[in-house]
C-alpha cells in the first residue's frame, strides 16, 4: 500500500490544487488509476475505522458526482461483501475478536425485534456505521446476491451526497458540503434515537 501511494497516490495529491491537471493525470494512467483508487476504498470499508468521506470527496472532485459515486459505491460494496462473507463463514466467535461482545448483543437484540432486511436497508441508506454493520450483516439471513443488491442500491444516495459535494469543490461551492453534512448529522441523531427506543420496547 505504501508503494502504491508513493508511485501513484503522491503525484495525485500534488495535483489537488488543480483539478484539471489531476483529471489529465488520471486519464493518462487509465484503468490502473481507477483500480488503485478502488482498492483504497475497499480497504477503507473493511477497516471500520478509516472514514470514507475523504475518498468520496476526492472521487467527486476528479470524476464528478455521479461517476464518482458509482465508482465508490462499487468498491465499497465489494468491501462490505467481503466483510459479510467473513462474518458469515466464521460466525460470532470470530467477531468477538473484532468487536466488543456488548455491541454484538445490541445488534442481535435489534434483529430479534425487527425485520433484519429492513435494518440492512436502514444502515446502508442512512448515515449509520455501514462498514461496522457489514461484518455483522450475516444476522440478516440474506444470500450473497441479495446482500450485494441491497448494499449497492441503498448506499448510493448517501455516497452521492458527498461525491456531489466534492464536485462542487471545483467551483468553491462549500454550501453544498455543509448542507449535506448537516443533513447527515440530523438524520443520524433521529435514527439513533429511533433504534434506541425500539431496543427498549
N, C-alpha and C. Protein backbone atom coordinates (compact mmCIF):
# COMPACT_ATOMS: atom_id res chain seq x y z
N UNK A 1 0.83 -1.20 0.00
CA UNK A 1 0.00 0.00 0.00
C UNK A 1 0.87 1.26 0.00
N UNK A 2 1.99 1.20 0.76
CA UNK A 2 2.90 2.35 0.80
C UNK A 2 3.51 2.59 -0.58
N UNK A 3 3.89 1.51 -1.26
CA UNK A 3 4.48 1.62 -2.59
C UNK A 3 3.48 2.22 -3.58
N UNK A 4 2.24 1.77 -3.50
CA UNK A 4 1.20 2.32 -4.37
C UNK A 4 1.03 3.81 -4.12
N UNK A 5 1.10 4.20 -2.84
CA UNK A 5 0.93 5.62 -2.52
C UNK A 5 2.05 6.46 -3.15
N UNK A 6 3.31 6.03 -3.00
CA UNK A 6 4.42 6.83 -3.49
C UNK A 6 4.49 6.86 -5.02
N UNK A 7 4.05 5.77 -5.67
CA UNK A 7 4.11 5.72 -7.12
C UNK A 7 2.92 6.39 -7.78
N UNK A 8 1.75 6.29 -7.15
CA UNK A 8 0.52 6.80 -7.78
C UNK A 8 -0.18 7.84 -6.90
N UNK A 9 -0.33 7.52 -5.62
CA UNK A 9 -1.08 8.42 -4.74
C UNK A 9 -0.41 9.76 -4.52
N UNK A 10 0.90 9.77 -4.31
CA UNK A 10 1.61 11.02 -4.04
C UNK A 10 1.52 12.00 -5.20
N UNK A 11 1.74 11.56 -6.44
CA UNK A 11 1.57 12.50 -7.56
C UNK A 11 0.14 13.05 -7.66
N UNK A 12 -0.84 12.21 -7.30
CA UNK A 12 -2.23 12.68 -7.34
C UNK A 12 -2.46 13.77 -6.31
N UNK A 13 -1.88 13.62 -5.11
CA UNK A 13 -2.01 14.64 -4.07
C UNK A 13 -1.38 15.95 -4.52
N UNK A 14 -0.29 15.86 -5.28
CA UNK A 14 0.40 17.07 -5.74
C UNK A 14 -0.48 17.91 -6.67
N UNK A 15 -1.46 17.29 -7.32
CA UNK A 15 -2.33 17.99 -8.26
C UNK A 15 -3.65 18.45 -7.65
N UNK A 16 -3.81 18.26 -6.33
CA UNK A 16 -5.11 18.57 -5.73
C UNK A 16 -5.53 20.03 -5.89
N UNK A 17 -4.58 20.91 -6.03
CA UNK A 17 -4.92 22.32 -6.20
C UNK A 17 -5.42 22.64 -7.60
N UNK A 18 -5.22 21.72 -8.53
CA UNK A 18 -5.64 21.95 -9.92
C UNK A 18 -6.39 20.71 -10.41
N UNK A 19 -7.71 20.72 -10.31
CA UNK A 19 -8.49 19.53 -10.66
C UNK A 19 -8.32 19.10 -12.11
N UNK A 20 -8.06 20.05 -13.00
CA UNK A 20 -7.94 19.70 -14.41
C UNK A 20 -6.64 18.95 -14.68
N UNK A 21 -5.57 19.34 -14.03
CA UNK A 21 -4.32 18.60 -14.15
C UNK A 21 -4.46 17.21 -13.52
N UNK A 22 -5.19 17.16 -12.42
CA UNK A 22 -5.42 15.87 -11.77
C UNK A 22 -6.22 14.95 -12.67
N UNK A 23 -7.23 15.49 -13.33
CA UNK A 23 -8.04 14.70 -14.25
C UNK A 23 -7.20 14.19 -15.41
N UNK A 24 -6.30 15.05 -15.92
CA UNK A 24 -5.41 14.64 -17.01
C UNK A 24 -4.47 13.52 -16.55
N UNK A 25 -3.98 13.65 -15.32
CA UNK A 25 -3.06 12.65 -14.78
C UNK A 25 -3.75 11.29 -14.68
N UNK A 26 -4.98 11.29 -14.17
CA UNK A 26 -5.72 10.03 -14.02
C UNK A 26 -6.06 9.45 -15.38
N UNK A 27 -6.43 10.32 -16.33
CA UNK A 27 -6.74 9.85 -17.68
C UNK A 27 -5.51 9.20 -18.31
N UNK A 28 -4.34 9.74 -18.01
CA UNK A 28 -3.09 9.19 -18.55
C UNK A 28 -2.82 7.79 -17.98
N UNK A 29 -3.15 7.59 -16.70
CA UNK A 29 -2.91 6.30 -16.05
C UNK A 29 -3.94 5.26 -16.46
N UNK A 30 -5.11 5.73 -16.92
CA UNK A 30 -6.13 4.81 -17.40
C UNK A 30 -6.78 3.98 -16.31
N UNK A 31 -7.11 2.75 -16.65
CA UNK A 31 -7.85 1.88 -15.76
C UNK A 31 -7.10 1.59 -14.48
N UNK A 32 -5.77 1.65 -14.51
CA UNK A 32 -4.97 1.38 -13.31
C UNK A 32 -5.31 2.37 -12.20
N UNK A 33 -5.49 3.64 -12.57
CA UNK A 33 -5.80 4.66 -11.57
C UNK A 33 -7.12 4.35 -10.87
N UNK A 34 -8.12 3.91 -11.63
CA UNK A 34 -9.42 3.60 -11.05
C UNK A 34 -9.32 2.37 -10.14
N UNK A 35 -8.56 1.38 -10.56
CA UNK A 35 -8.42 0.16 -9.77
C UNK A 35 -7.69 0.43 -8.46
N UNK A 36 -6.64 1.25 -8.53
CA UNK A 36 -5.89 1.58 -7.32
C UNK A 36 -6.77 2.36 -6.35
N UNK A 37 -7.49 3.34 -6.88
CA UNK A 37 -8.39 4.11 -6.03
C UNK A 37 -9.46 3.19 -5.43
N UNK A 38 -9.99 2.30 -6.25
CA UNK A 38 -10.99 1.35 -5.77
C UNK A 38 -10.45 0.45 -4.67
N UNK A 39 -9.17 0.06 -4.79
CA UNK A 39 -8.54 -0.76 -3.77
C UNK A 39 -8.52 -0.03 -2.43
N UNK A 40 -8.18 1.26 -2.48
CA UNK A 40 -8.17 2.06 -1.25
C UNK A 40 -9.57 2.13 -0.64
N UNK A 41 -10.59 2.29 -1.46
CA UNK A 41 -11.97 2.36 -0.96
C UNK A 41 -12.36 1.03 -0.32
N UNK A 42 -11.98 -0.08 -0.96
CA UNK A 42 -12.29 -1.40 -0.40
C UNK A 42 -11.62 -1.60 0.95
N UNK A 43 -10.34 -1.24 1.05
CA UNK A 43 -9.62 -1.36 2.32
C UNK A 43 -10.27 -0.46 3.38
N UNK A 44 -10.69 0.73 2.97
CA UNK A 44 -11.34 1.66 3.91
C UNK A 44 -12.61 1.05 4.48
N UNK A 45 -13.41 0.40 3.65
CA UNK A 45 -14.66 -0.18 4.14
C UNK A 45 -14.40 -1.38 5.05
N UNK A 46 -13.34 -2.11 4.81
CA UNK A 46 -13.00 -3.25 5.65
C UNK A 46 -12.43 -2.83 6.99
N UNK A 47 -11.87 -1.63 7.07
CA UNK A 47 -11.18 -1.21 8.28
C UNK A 47 -12.12 -0.91 9.43
N UNK A 48 -13.33 -0.43 9.14
CA UNK A 48 -14.35 0.01 10.11
C UNK A 48 -13.94 1.26 10.89
N UNK A 49 -12.72 1.77 10.69
CA UNK A 49 -12.29 2.95 11.44
C UNK A 49 -11.78 4.07 10.55
N UNK A 50 -11.42 3.77 9.29
CA UNK A 50 -10.97 4.81 8.36
C UNK A 50 -12.21 5.45 7.75
N UNK A 51 -12.37 6.78 7.87
CA UNK A 51 -13.57 7.43 7.31
C UNK A 51 -13.59 7.41 5.79
N UNK A 52 -14.78 7.25 5.22
CA UNK A 52 -14.91 7.20 3.77
C UNK A 52 -15.06 8.57 3.14
N UNK A 53 -15.38 9.59 3.94
CA UNK A 53 -15.65 10.92 3.39
C UNK A 53 -14.53 11.46 2.51
N UNK A 54 -13.25 11.40 2.91
CA UNK A 54 -12.19 11.92 2.04
C UNK A 54 -12.15 11.24 0.67
N UNK A 55 -12.42 9.94 0.64
CA UNK A 55 -12.42 9.21 -0.63
C UNK A 55 -13.58 9.66 -1.51
N UNK A 56 -14.75 9.87 -0.92
CA UNK A 56 -15.92 10.28 -1.68
C UNK A 56 -15.73 11.69 -2.23
N UNK A 57 -15.21 12.58 -1.41
CA UNK A 57 -14.96 13.95 -1.87
C UNK A 57 -13.94 13.96 -3.01
N UNK A 58 -12.90 13.15 -2.87
CA UNK A 58 -11.86 13.09 -3.91
C UNK A 58 -12.43 12.54 -5.21
N UNK A 59 -13.27 11.52 -5.11
CA UNK A 59 -13.87 10.93 -6.32
C UNK A 59 -14.76 11.95 -7.03
N UNK A 60 -15.55 12.68 -6.27
CA UNK A 60 -16.41 13.71 -6.87
C UNK A 60 -15.61 14.85 -7.45
N UNK A 61 -14.52 15.18 -6.78
CA UNK A 61 -13.64 16.27 -7.21
C UNK A 61 -13.03 15.98 -8.58
N UNK A 62 -12.68 14.72 -8.79
CA UNK A 62 -11.99 14.34 -10.03
C UNK A 62 -12.95 13.84 -11.10
N UNK A 63 -13.91 13.00 -10.71
CA UNK A 63 -14.76 12.32 -11.69
C UNK A 63 -16.14 12.93 -11.85
N UNK A 64 -16.52 13.81 -10.93
CA UNK A 64 -17.88 14.32 -10.94
C UNK A 64 -18.75 13.52 -9.98
N UNK A 65 -19.86 14.08 -9.58
CA UNK A 65 -20.70 13.47 -8.56
C UNK A 65 -21.21 12.09 -8.90
N UNK A 66 -21.82 11.93 -10.08
CA UNK A 66 -22.45 10.66 -10.42
C UNK A 66 -21.42 9.57 -10.70
N UNK A 67 -20.46 9.84 -11.54
CA UNK A 67 -19.45 8.84 -11.88
C UNK A 67 -18.62 8.47 -10.65
N UNK A 68 -18.28 9.49 -9.84
CA UNK A 68 -17.52 9.23 -8.63
C UNK A 68 -18.30 8.37 -7.66
N UNK A 69 -19.61 8.63 -7.54
CA UNK A 69 -20.46 7.83 -6.64
C UNK A 69 -20.54 6.38 -7.10
N UNK A 70 -20.67 6.17 -8.39
CA UNK A 70 -20.73 4.80 -8.91
C UNK A 70 -19.45 4.03 -8.60
N UNK A 71 -18.30 4.69 -8.81
CA UNK A 71 -17.02 4.03 -8.55
C UNK A 71 -16.88 3.69 -7.07
N UNK A 72 -17.16 4.67 -6.20
CA UNK A 72 -17.03 4.44 -4.76
C UNK A 72 -18.02 3.39 -4.27
N UNK A 73 -19.24 3.46 -4.79
CA UNK A 73 -20.28 2.51 -4.37
C UNK A 73 -19.90 1.09 -4.76
N UNK A 74 -19.35 0.93 -5.95
CA UNK A 74 -18.96 -0.40 -6.43
C UNK A 74 -17.92 -1.03 -5.50
N UNK A 75 -16.85 -0.29 -5.21
CA UNK A 75 -15.76 -0.86 -4.42
C UNK A 75 -16.11 -0.90 -2.93
N UNK A 76 -16.97 0.01 -2.46
CA UNK A 76 -17.45 -0.08 -1.08
C UNK A 76 -18.32 -1.31 -0.90
N UNK A 77 -19.14 -1.60 -1.91
CA UNK A 77 -19.97 -2.81 -1.85
C UNK A 77 -19.11 -4.07 -1.86
N UNK A 78 -18.02 -4.04 -2.62
CA UNK A 78 -17.10 -5.18 -2.62
C UNK A 78 -16.51 -5.38 -1.23
N UNK A 79 -16.07 -4.28 -0.60
CA UNK A 79 -15.52 -4.37 0.75
C UNK A 79 -16.54 -4.87 1.75
N UNK A 80 -17.75 -4.32 1.68
CA UNK A 80 -18.81 -4.75 2.60
C UNK A 80 -19.17 -6.22 2.39
N UNK A 81 -19.14 -6.67 1.14
CA UNK A 81 -19.48 -8.07 0.86
C UNK A 81 -18.40 -9.01 1.37
N UNK A 82 -17.15 -8.61 1.27
CA UNK A 82 -16.06 -9.42 1.83
C UNK A 82 -16.24 -9.56 3.34
N UNK A 83 -16.56 -8.45 4.01
CA UNK A 83 -16.79 -8.48 5.46
C UNK A 83 -17.99 -9.38 5.78
N UNK A 84 -19.05 -9.26 4.99
CA UNK A 84 -20.25 -10.07 5.17
C UNK A 84 -19.93 -11.56 5.07
N UNK A 85 -19.14 -11.94 4.07
CA UNK A 85 -18.79 -13.34 3.85
C UNK A 85 -17.88 -13.87 4.96
N UNK A 86 -16.95 -13.04 5.42
CA UNK A 86 -16.06 -13.46 6.51
C UNK A 86 -16.88 -13.69 7.79
N UNK A 87 -17.78 -12.73 8.08
CA UNK A 87 -18.63 -12.88 9.26
C UNK A 87 -19.52 -14.11 9.17
N UNK A 88 -20.06 -14.33 7.98
CA UNK A 88 -20.93 -15.49 7.77
C UNK A 88 -20.16 -16.80 7.89
N UNK A 89 -18.93 -16.80 7.41
CA UNK A 89 -18.11 -18.02 7.43
C UNK A 89 -17.64 -18.37 8.84
N UNK A 90 -17.21 -17.38 9.61
CA UNK A 90 -16.58 -17.66 10.90
C UNK A 90 -17.49 -17.43 12.10
N UNK A 91 -18.57 -16.67 11.91
CA UNK A 91 -19.58 -16.54 12.94
C UNK A 91 -19.21 -15.68 14.13
N UNK A 92 -19.99 -15.84 15.17
CA UNK A 92 -19.94 -14.95 16.33
C UNK A 92 -18.61 -14.99 17.07
N UNK A 93 -18.05 -16.17 17.23
CA UNK A 93 -16.80 -16.29 17.99
C UNK A 93 -15.68 -15.48 17.36
N UNK A 94 -15.63 -15.50 16.02
CA UNK A 94 -14.61 -14.73 15.33
C UNK A 94 -14.84 -13.23 15.51
N UNK A 95 -16.09 -12.81 15.41
CA UNK A 95 -16.42 -11.39 15.51
C UNK A 95 -16.13 -10.83 16.90
N UNK A 96 -16.11 -11.69 17.90
CA UNK A 96 -15.78 -11.23 19.25
C UNK A 96 -14.33 -10.74 19.34
N UNK A 97 -13.49 -11.16 18.39
CA UNK A 97 -12.12 -10.66 18.34
C UNK A 97 -12.07 -9.26 17.74
N UNK A 98 -13.09 -8.89 16.98
CA UNK A 98 -13.11 -7.60 16.29
C UNK A 98 -13.94 -6.54 17.01
N UNK A 99 -15.00 -6.98 17.68
CA UNK A 99 -15.93 -6.05 18.31
C UNK A 99 -16.21 -6.48 19.75
N UNK A 100 -16.53 -5.50 20.61
CA UNK A 100 -16.95 -5.86 21.97
C UNK A 100 -18.21 -6.72 21.92
N UNK A 101 -18.31 -7.67 22.80
CA UNK A 101 -19.46 -8.56 22.80
C UNK A 101 -20.76 -7.80 23.04
N UNK A 102 -20.66 -6.69 23.79
CA UNK A 102 -21.86 -5.88 24.05
C UNK A 102 -22.45 -5.34 22.74
N UNK A 103 -21.57 -4.99 21.80
CA UNK A 103 -22.04 -4.47 20.51
C UNK A 103 -22.76 -5.57 19.73
N UNK A 104 -22.22 -6.78 19.78
CA UNK A 104 -22.88 -7.90 19.10
C UNK A 104 -24.25 -8.17 19.71
N UNK A 105 -24.33 -8.09 21.01
CA UNK A 105 -25.61 -8.34 21.68
C UNK A 105 -26.65 -7.30 21.29
N UNK A 106 -26.22 -6.04 21.12
CA UNK A 106 -27.15 -4.98 20.73
C UNK A 106 -27.71 -5.24 19.33
N UNK A 107 -26.83 -5.68 18.43
CA UNK A 107 -27.28 -5.99 17.07
C UNK A 107 -28.24 -7.18 17.10
N UNK A 108 -27.92 -8.17 17.89
CA UNK A 108 -28.79 -9.35 17.99
C UNK A 108 -30.17 -8.97 18.52
N UNK A 109 -30.20 -8.08 19.52
CA UNK A 109 -31.48 -7.63 20.07
C UNK A 109 -32.27 -6.86 19.03
N UNK A 110 -31.55 -6.03 18.26
CA UNK A 110 -32.21 -5.22 17.23
C UNK A 110 -32.82 -6.10 16.14
N UNK A 111 -32.08 -7.13 15.74
CA UNK A 111 -32.57 -8.04 14.71
C UNK A 111 -33.77 -8.84 15.22
N UNK A 112 -33.70 -9.27 16.49
CA UNK A 112 -34.80 -10.05 17.06
C UNK A 112 -36.10 -9.26 17.13
N UNK A 113 -35.99 -7.93 17.29
CA UNK A 113 -37.19 -7.10 17.47
C UNK A 113 -37.69 -6.46 16.19
N UNK A 114 -36.98 -6.66 15.10
CA UNK A 114 -37.39 -6.01 13.86
C UNK A 114 -37.18 -6.90 12.65
N UNK A 115 -37.34 -6.31 11.48
CA UNK A 115 -37.13 -7.00 10.21
C UNK A 115 -35.65 -6.88 9.83
N UNK A 116 -34.89 -7.98 9.84
CA UNK A 116 -33.44 -7.91 9.55
C UNK A 116 -33.13 -7.24 8.21
N UNK A 117 -33.94 -7.51 7.19
CA UNK A 117 -33.69 -6.91 5.87
C UNK A 117 -33.93 -5.40 5.91
N UNK A 118 -34.95 -4.98 6.65
CA UNK A 118 -35.22 -3.55 6.81
C UNK A 118 -34.07 -2.86 7.52
N UNK A 119 -33.51 -3.52 8.52
CA UNK A 119 -32.36 -2.96 9.25
C UNK A 119 -31.16 -2.82 8.33
N UNK A 120 -30.97 -3.79 7.44
CA UNK A 120 -29.89 -3.72 6.46
C UNK A 120 -30.07 -2.48 5.57
N UNK A 121 -31.26 -2.30 5.05
CA UNK A 121 -31.55 -1.13 4.21
C UNK A 121 -31.32 0.16 4.99
N UNK A 122 -31.76 0.17 6.24
CA UNK A 122 -31.64 1.36 7.08
C UNK A 122 -30.18 1.76 7.26
N UNK A 123 -29.35 0.78 7.58
CA UNK A 123 -27.93 1.07 7.81
C UNK A 123 -27.25 1.55 6.54
N UNK A 124 -27.58 0.96 5.39
CA UNK A 124 -26.91 1.33 4.16
C UNK A 124 -27.44 2.64 3.57
N UNK A 125 -28.69 2.94 3.80
CA UNK A 125 -29.30 4.13 3.21
C UNK A 125 -28.97 5.39 3.99
N UNK A 126 -28.91 5.29 5.31
CA UNK A 126 -28.76 6.46 6.16
C UNK A 126 -27.33 6.58 6.69
N UNK A 127 -26.96 7.74 7.23
CA UNK A 127 -25.60 7.93 7.77
C UNK A 127 -25.39 7.19 9.07
N UNK A 128 -25.35 5.87 8.99
CA UNK A 128 -25.08 4.99 10.12
C UNK A 128 -23.79 4.23 9.84
N UNK A 129 -23.19 3.59 10.86
CA UNK A 129 -21.90 2.89 10.65
C UNK A 129 -22.02 1.67 9.75
N UNK A 130 -22.07 1.91 8.45
CA UNK A 130 -22.28 0.86 7.45
C UNK A 130 -21.20 -0.22 7.50
N UNK A 131 -19.94 0.23 7.59
CA UNK A 131 -18.83 -0.71 7.46
C UNK A 131 -18.73 -1.63 8.68
N UNK A 132 -19.09 -1.11 9.84
CA UNK A 132 -19.15 -1.96 11.02
C UNK A 132 -20.29 -2.96 10.90
N UNK A 133 -21.44 -2.48 10.44
CA UNK A 133 -22.61 -3.35 10.29
C UNK A 133 -22.33 -4.50 9.32
N UNK A 134 -21.54 -4.24 8.27
CA UNK A 134 -21.29 -5.26 7.24
C UNK A 134 -20.71 -6.54 7.85
N UNK A 135 -19.84 -6.40 8.85
CA UNK A 135 -19.27 -7.58 9.49
C UNK A 135 -20.34 -8.39 10.21
N UNK A 136 -21.40 -7.71 10.65
CA UNK A 136 -22.48 -8.36 11.39
C UNK A 136 -23.67 -8.66 10.49
N UNK A 137 -23.53 -8.37 9.21
CA UNK A 137 -24.65 -8.45 8.28
C UNK A 137 -25.25 -9.83 8.10
N UNK A 138 -24.47 -10.87 8.42
CA UNK A 138 -25.00 -12.22 8.24
C UNK A 138 -26.20 -12.48 9.14
N UNK A 139 -26.40 -11.64 10.16
CA UNK A 139 -27.58 -11.77 11.01
C UNK A 139 -28.86 -11.57 10.20
N UNK A 140 -28.76 -10.87 9.07
CA UNK A 140 -29.94 -10.62 8.26
C UNK A 140 -30.46 -11.89 7.59
N UNK A 141 -29.61 -12.91 7.49
CA UNK A 141 -30.03 -14.17 6.88
C UNK A 141 -30.15 -14.10 5.37
N UNK A 142 -29.61 -13.05 4.74
CA UNK A 142 -29.72 -12.88 3.29
C UNK A 142 -28.69 -13.73 2.56
N UNK A 143 -29.00 -14.10 1.32
CA UNK A 143 -27.98 -14.73 0.50
C UNK A 143 -27.08 -13.64 -0.08
N UNK A 144 -25.98 -14.06 -0.69
CA UNK A 144 -24.97 -13.09 -1.13
C UNK A 144 -25.51 -12.13 -2.18
N UNK A 145 -26.27 -12.63 -3.15
CA UNK A 145 -26.80 -11.76 -4.21
C UNK A 145 -27.73 -10.70 -3.66
N UNK A 146 -28.59 -11.09 -2.72
CA UNK A 146 -29.49 -10.12 -2.09
C UNK A 146 -28.70 -9.09 -1.32
N UNK A 147 -27.70 -9.53 -0.59
CA UNK A 147 -26.84 -8.62 0.17
C UNK A 147 -26.19 -7.60 -0.76
N UNK A 148 -25.61 -8.06 -1.87
CA UNK A 148 -24.92 -7.16 -2.81
C UNK A 148 -25.90 -6.16 -3.39
N UNK A 149 -27.07 -6.61 -3.81
CA UNK A 149 -28.06 -5.73 -4.43
C UNK A 149 -28.51 -4.64 -3.46
N UNK A 150 -28.90 -5.03 -2.25
CA UNK A 150 -29.37 -4.05 -1.28
C UNK A 150 -28.26 -3.08 -0.91
N UNK A 151 -27.06 -3.60 -0.69
CA UNK A 151 -25.94 -2.75 -0.30
C UNK A 151 -25.62 -1.73 -1.38
N UNK A 152 -25.53 -2.18 -2.63
CA UNK A 152 -25.16 -1.27 -3.72
C UNK A 152 -26.22 -0.20 -3.94
N UNK A 153 -27.49 -0.59 -3.96
CA UNK A 153 -28.56 0.36 -4.24
C UNK A 153 -28.77 1.33 -3.08
N UNK A 154 -28.78 0.80 -1.85
CA UNK A 154 -29.08 1.64 -0.69
C UNK A 154 -27.93 2.56 -0.32
N UNK A 155 -26.69 2.17 -0.62
CA UNK A 155 -25.54 3.02 -0.30
C UNK A 155 -25.43 4.22 -1.24
N UNK A 156 -25.92 4.07 -2.46
CA UNK A 156 -25.64 5.06 -3.50
C UNK A 156 -26.07 6.49 -3.12
N UNK A 157 -27.31 6.73 -2.65
CA UNK A 157 -27.71 8.11 -2.37
C UNK A 157 -26.80 8.79 -1.34
N UNK A 158 -26.42 8.05 -0.31
CA UNK A 158 -25.57 8.62 0.74
C UNK A 158 -24.19 8.99 0.17
N UNK A 159 -23.63 8.10 -0.64
CA UNK A 159 -22.32 8.38 -1.24
C UNK A 159 -22.42 9.55 -2.21
N UNK A 160 -23.50 9.60 -2.98
CA UNK A 160 -23.66 10.65 -3.98
C UNK A 160 -23.70 12.04 -3.35
N UNK A 161 -24.27 12.16 -2.17
CA UNK A 161 -24.29 13.46 -1.48
C UNK A 161 -22.87 14.00 -1.33
N UNK A 162 -21.94 13.11 -0.97
CA UNK A 162 -20.57 13.55 -0.73
C UNK A 162 -19.77 13.71 -2.03
N UNK A 163 -19.98 12.81 -2.98
CA UNK A 163 -19.25 12.97 -4.25
C UNK A 163 -19.72 14.23 -4.98
N UNK A 164 -21.00 14.52 -4.88
CA UNK A 164 -21.51 15.76 -5.49
C UNK A 164 -20.91 16.97 -4.79
N UNK A 165 -20.77 16.86 -3.47
CA UNK A 165 -20.10 17.93 -2.73
C UNK A 165 -18.66 18.09 -3.19
N UNK A 166 -17.98 16.96 -3.46
CA UNK A 166 -16.61 17.03 -3.97
C UNK A 166 -16.55 17.71 -5.33
N UNK A 167 -17.55 17.44 -6.16
CA UNK A 167 -17.62 18.10 -7.47
C UNK A 167 -17.78 19.61 -7.31
N UNK A 168 -18.56 20.03 -6.31
CA UNK A 168 -18.78 21.45 -6.08
C UNK A 168 -17.54 22.17 -5.55
N UNK A 169 -16.58 21.39 -5.02
CA UNK A 169 -15.34 22.00 -4.54
C UNK A 169 -14.60 22.71 -5.66
N UNK A 170 -14.75 22.21 -6.88
CA UNK A 170 -14.05 22.81 -8.02
C UNK A 170 -14.47 24.26 -8.20
N UNK A 171 -15.74 24.55 -7.94
CA UNK A 171 -16.26 25.91 -8.10
C UNK A 171 -16.42 26.61 -6.75
N UNK A 172 -15.78 26.04 -5.70
CA UNK A 172 -15.79 26.64 -4.36
C UNK A 172 -17.20 26.81 -3.79
N UNK A 173 -18.10 25.90 -4.13
CA UNK A 173 -19.45 25.95 -3.58
C UNK A 173 -19.51 25.08 -2.32
N UNK A 174 -18.98 25.62 -1.23
CA UNK A 174 -18.86 24.86 0.01
C UNK A 174 -20.21 24.66 0.70
N UNK A 175 -21.19 25.46 0.33
CA UNK A 175 -22.50 25.35 0.97
C UNK A 175 -23.12 23.99 0.79
N UNK A 176 -22.87 23.33 -0.35
CA UNK A 176 -23.42 22.01 -0.62
C UNK A 176 -22.87 20.99 0.38
N UNK A 177 -21.58 21.06 0.66
CA UNK A 177 -20.96 20.14 1.61
C UNK A 177 -21.50 20.37 3.01
N UNK A 178 -21.60 21.64 3.40
CA UNK A 178 -22.10 21.98 4.73
C UNK A 178 -23.54 21.50 4.89
N UNK A 179 -24.35 21.74 3.86
CA UNK A 179 -25.76 21.31 3.91
C UNK A 179 -25.86 19.79 4.00
N UNK A 180 -25.05 19.09 3.21
CA UNK A 180 -25.06 17.63 3.24
C UNK A 180 -24.63 17.08 4.58
N UNK A 181 -23.58 17.67 5.16
CA UNK A 181 -23.09 17.21 6.47
C UNK A 181 -24.14 17.47 7.56
N UNK A 182 -24.78 18.64 7.49
CA UNK A 182 -25.82 18.98 8.47
C UNK A 182 -26.98 18.00 8.38
N UNK A 183 -27.40 17.71 7.15
CA UNK A 183 -28.49 16.76 6.94
C UNK A 183 -28.12 15.39 7.50
N UNK A 184 -26.88 14.96 7.26
CA UNK A 184 -26.44 13.64 7.73
C UNK A 184 -26.47 13.57 9.25
N UNK A 185 -26.03 14.63 9.92
CA UNK A 185 -26.00 14.65 11.38
C UNK A 185 -27.41 14.60 11.95
N UNK A 186 -28.32 15.38 11.37
CA UNK A 186 -29.71 15.41 11.85
C UNK A 186 -30.36 14.04 11.69
N UNK A 187 -30.17 13.43 10.51
CA UNK A 187 -30.76 12.11 10.27
C UNK A 187 -30.15 11.07 11.21
N UNK A 188 -28.85 11.14 11.42
CA UNK A 188 -28.17 10.19 12.30
C UNK A 188 -28.75 10.26 13.72
N UNK A 189 -28.93 11.46 14.24
CA UNK A 189 -29.48 11.63 15.60
C UNK A 189 -30.90 11.06 15.67
N UNK A 190 -31.70 11.36 14.66
CA UNK A 190 -33.09 10.89 14.64
C UNK A 190 -33.15 9.37 14.63
N UNK A 191 -32.37 8.75 13.73
CA UNK A 191 -32.39 7.29 13.60
C UNK A 191 -31.81 6.63 14.85
N UNK A 192 -30.76 7.21 15.43
CA UNK A 192 -30.16 6.65 16.64
C UNK A 192 -31.18 6.62 17.78
N UNK A 193 -31.95 7.70 17.91
CA UNK A 193 -32.99 7.74 18.95
C UNK A 193 -34.09 6.72 18.66
N UNK A 194 -34.43 6.57 17.39
CA UNK A 194 -35.47 5.61 17.00
C UNK A 194 -35.04 4.18 17.33
N UNK A 195 -33.79 3.84 16.97
CA UNK A 195 -33.30 2.49 17.23
C UNK A 195 -33.17 2.23 18.72
N UNK A 196 -32.77 3.25 19.47
CA UNK A 196 -32.63 3.11 20.92
C UNK A 196 -34.00 2.85 21.54
N UNK A 197 -35.02 3.55 21.04
CA UNK A 197 -36.38 3.35 21.54
C UNK A 197 -36.87 1.95 21.22
N UNK A 198 -36.57 1.45 19.99
CA UNK A 198 -37.00 0.12 19.58
C UNK A 198 -36.37 -0.96 20.46
N UNK A 199 -35.13 -0.74 20.84
CA UNK A 199 -34.42 -1.74 21.66
C UNK A 199 -34.98 -1.77 23.09
N UNK A 200 -35.51 -0.63 23.55
CA UNK A 200 -36.07 -0.59 24.90
C UNK A 200 -37.46 -1.18 24.97
N UNK A 201 -38.19 -1.14 23.82
CA UNK A 201 -39.57 -1.63 23.80
C UNK A 201 -39.63 -3.15 23.94
